[in-house]
Amino acid sequence: MPTTIRVPTSLPTSRAPRKSDDGQFVSVALFAGIGLLISLVAVIFGEQGAWY
């Protein structure tokens, strides 16, 4: 006996993050961006002693 799979024709109306999640995302992205910028500047200027 074959088994049928039903696929819903309509999707949930909203998959966007809530406004409360936006603040956390911005702070994490800003923190990571500043860290990457500092790392890039250190590599460009050849700072090797700062990593130890």
N, C-alpha and C. Protein backbone atom coordinates (compact mmCIF):
# COMPACT_ATOMS: atom_id res chain seq x y z
N MET A 1 0.84 -1.17 0.00
CA MET A 1 0.00 0.00 0.00
C MET A 1 0.90 1.25 0.00
N PRO A 2 0.76 2.10 -1.01
CA PRO A 2 1.63 3.28 -1.08
C PRO A 2 1.30 4.30 0.00
N THR A 3 2.35 4.99 0.43
CA THR A 3 2.18 6.02 1.45
C THR A 3 2.27 7.38 0.78
N THR A 4 1.33 8.24 1.08
CA THR A 4 1.35 9.58 0.50
C THR A 4 1.89 10.57 1.52
N ILE A 5 2.58 11.56 1.02
CA ILE A 5 3.12 12.63 1.87
C ILE A 5 2.40 13.90 1.51
N ARG A 6 1.84 14.54 2.50
CA ARG A 6 1.12 15.79 2.26
C ARG A 6 2.06 16.97 2.53
N VAL A 7 2.13 17.86 1.58
CA VAL A 7 2.94 19.06 1.70
C VAL A 7 2.00 20.24 1.88
N PRO A 8 2.19 21.03 2.95
CA PRO A 8 1.28 22.18 3.14
C PRO A 8 1.49 23.21 2.03
N THR A 9 0.39 23.73 1.54
CA THR A 9 0.46 24.69 0.44
C THR A 9 0.79 26.10 0.92
N SER A 10 0.53 26.39 2.18
CA SER A 10 0.85 27.73 2.68
C SER A 10 1.97 27.64 3.70
N LEU A 11 2.85 28.62 3.69
CA LEU A 11 3.96 28.69 4.62
C LEU A 11 3.59 29.60 5.79
N PRO A 12 4.28 29.47 6.90
CA PRO A 12 4.02 30.41 8.00
C PRO A 12 4.21 31.85 7.54
N THR A 13 3.44 32.74 8.09
CA THR A 13 3.43 34.11 7.59
C THR A 13 4.71 34.88 7.87
N SER A 14 5.36 34.61 9.00
CA SER A 14 6.52 35.42 9.35
C SER A 14 7.67 34.54 9.81
N ARG A 15 8.82 34.68 9.13
CA ARG A 15 10.04 34.02 9.56
C ARG A 15 11.11 35.03 9.92
N ALA A 16 10.76 36.29 9.93
CA ALA A 16 11.72 37.34 10.25
C ALA A 16 11.99 37.33 11.75
N PRO A 17 13.23 37.65 12.14
CA PRO A 17 13.53 37.69 13.58
C PRO A 17 12.78 38.81 14.27
N ARG A 18 12.51 38.59 15.54
CA ARG A 18 11.83 39.63 16.30
C ARG A 18 12.77 40.79 16.55
N LYS A 19 12.20 41.92 16.91
CA LYS A 19 13.00 43.13 17.14
C LYS A 19 13.96 42.94 18.32
N SER A 20 13.62 42.12 19.30
CA SER A 20 14.51 41.92 20.44
C SER A 20 15.78 41.18 20.04
N ASP A 21 15.71 40.35 18.98
CA ASP A 21 16.88 39.62 18.51
C ASP A 21 17.83 40.51 17.72
N ASP A 22 17.33 41.60 17.16
CA ASP A 22 18.16 42.47 16.34
C ASP A 22 19.27 43.12 17.15
N GLY A 23 18.99 43.50 18.38
CA GLY A 23 20.00 44.14 19.22
C GLY A 23 21.15 43.21 19.53
N GLN A 24 20.86 41.94 19.78
CA GLN A 24 21.92 40.98 20.05
C GLN A 24 22.75 40.75 18.81
N PHE A 25 22.12 40.65 17.65
CA PHE A 25 22.85 40.42 16.42
C PHE A 25 23.78 41.59 16.10
N VAL A 26 23.31 42.79 16.29
CA VAL A 26 24.13 43.97 16.01
C VAL A 26 25.33 44.02 16.94
N SER A 27 25.14 43.72 18.22
CA SER A 27 26.25 43.79 19.16
C SER A 27 27.29 42.71 18.86
N VAL A 28 26.86 41.51 18.51
CA VAL A 28 27.81 40.43 18.18
C VAL A 28 28.54 40.76 16.88
N ALA A 29 27.83 41.27 15.88
CA ALA A 29 28.46 41.62 14.61
C ALA A 29 29.46 42.75 14.80
N LEU A 30 29.13 43.72 15.63
CA LEU A 30 30.05 44.83 15.89
C LEU A 30 31.30 44.35 16.62
N PHE A 31 31.13 43.50 17.62
CA PHE A 31 32.25 42.95 18.37
C PHE A 31 33.17 42.15 17.45
N ALA A 32 32.60 41.31 16.60
CA ALA A 32 33.40 40.50 15.68
C ALA A 32 34.10 41.38 14.65
N GLY A 33 33.43 42.40 14.17
CA GLY A 33 34.03 43.30 13.18
C GLY A 33 35.20 44.07 13.76
N ILE A 34 35.08 44.52 15.00
CA ILE A 34 36.18 45.24 15.63
C ILE A 34 37.37 44.31 15.84
N GLY A 35 37.11 43.07 16.25
CA GLY A 35 38.19 42.10 16.44
C GLY A 35 38.90 41.79 15.13
N LEU A 36 38.15 41.63 14.06
CA LEU A 36 38.76 41.38 12.76
C LEU A 36 39.58 42.57 12.28
N LEU A 37 39.09 43.77 12.53
CA LEU A 37 39.83 44.97 12.13
C LEU A 37 41.14 45.08 12.88
N ILE A 38 41.13 44.82 14.18
CA ILE A 38 42.35 44.87 14.98
C ILE A 38 43.33 43.81 14.51
N SER A 39 42.84 42.61 14.21
CA SER A 39 43.70 41.54 13.72
C SER A 39 44.32 41.91 12.38
N LEU A 40 43.54 42.49 11.50
CA LEU A 40 44.05 42.89 10.19
C LEU A 40 45.12 43.95 10.30
N VAL A 41 44.90 44.94 11.15
CA VAL A 41 45.89 46.00 11.35
C VAL A 41 47.18 45.41 11.93
N ALA A 42 47.06 44.47 12.87
CA ALA A 42 48.24 43.86 13.47
C ALA A 42 49.02 43.05 12.44
N VAL A 43 48.33 42.36 11.55
CA VAL A 43 49.01 41.57 10.51
C VAL A 43 49.68 42.50 9.51
N ILE A 44 49.02 43.58 9.14
CA ILE A 44 49.58 44.50 8.15
C ILE A 44 50.85 45.15 8.69
N PHE A 45 50.86 45.55 9.96
CA PHE A 45 52.01 46.22 10.52
C PHE A 45 53.05 45.24 11.05
N GLY A 46 52.80 43.95 10.94
CA GLY A 46 53.78 42.95 11.32
C GLY A 46 53.99 42.80 12.81
N GLU A 47 52.97 43.02 13.59
CA GLU A 47 53.06 42.87 15.04
C GLU A 47 53.03 41.40 15.39
N GLN A 48 54.15 40.85 15.81
CA GLN A 48 54.19 39.44 16.17
C GLN A 48 54.20 39.27 17.69
N GLY A 49 54.74 40.19 18.42
CA GLY A 49 54.81 40.07 19.86
C GLY A 49 53.46 40.25 20.54
N ALA A 50 52.49 40.86 19.86
CA ALA A 50 51.19 41.12 20.47
C ALA A 50 50.35 39.85 20.59
N TRP A 51 50.70 38.80 19.90
CA TRP A 51 49.90 37.59 19.90
C TRP A 51 50.29 36.61 21.00
N TYR A 52 51.36 36.91 21.75
CA TYR A 52 51.85 35.93 22.73
C TYR A 52 51.49 36.32 24.12
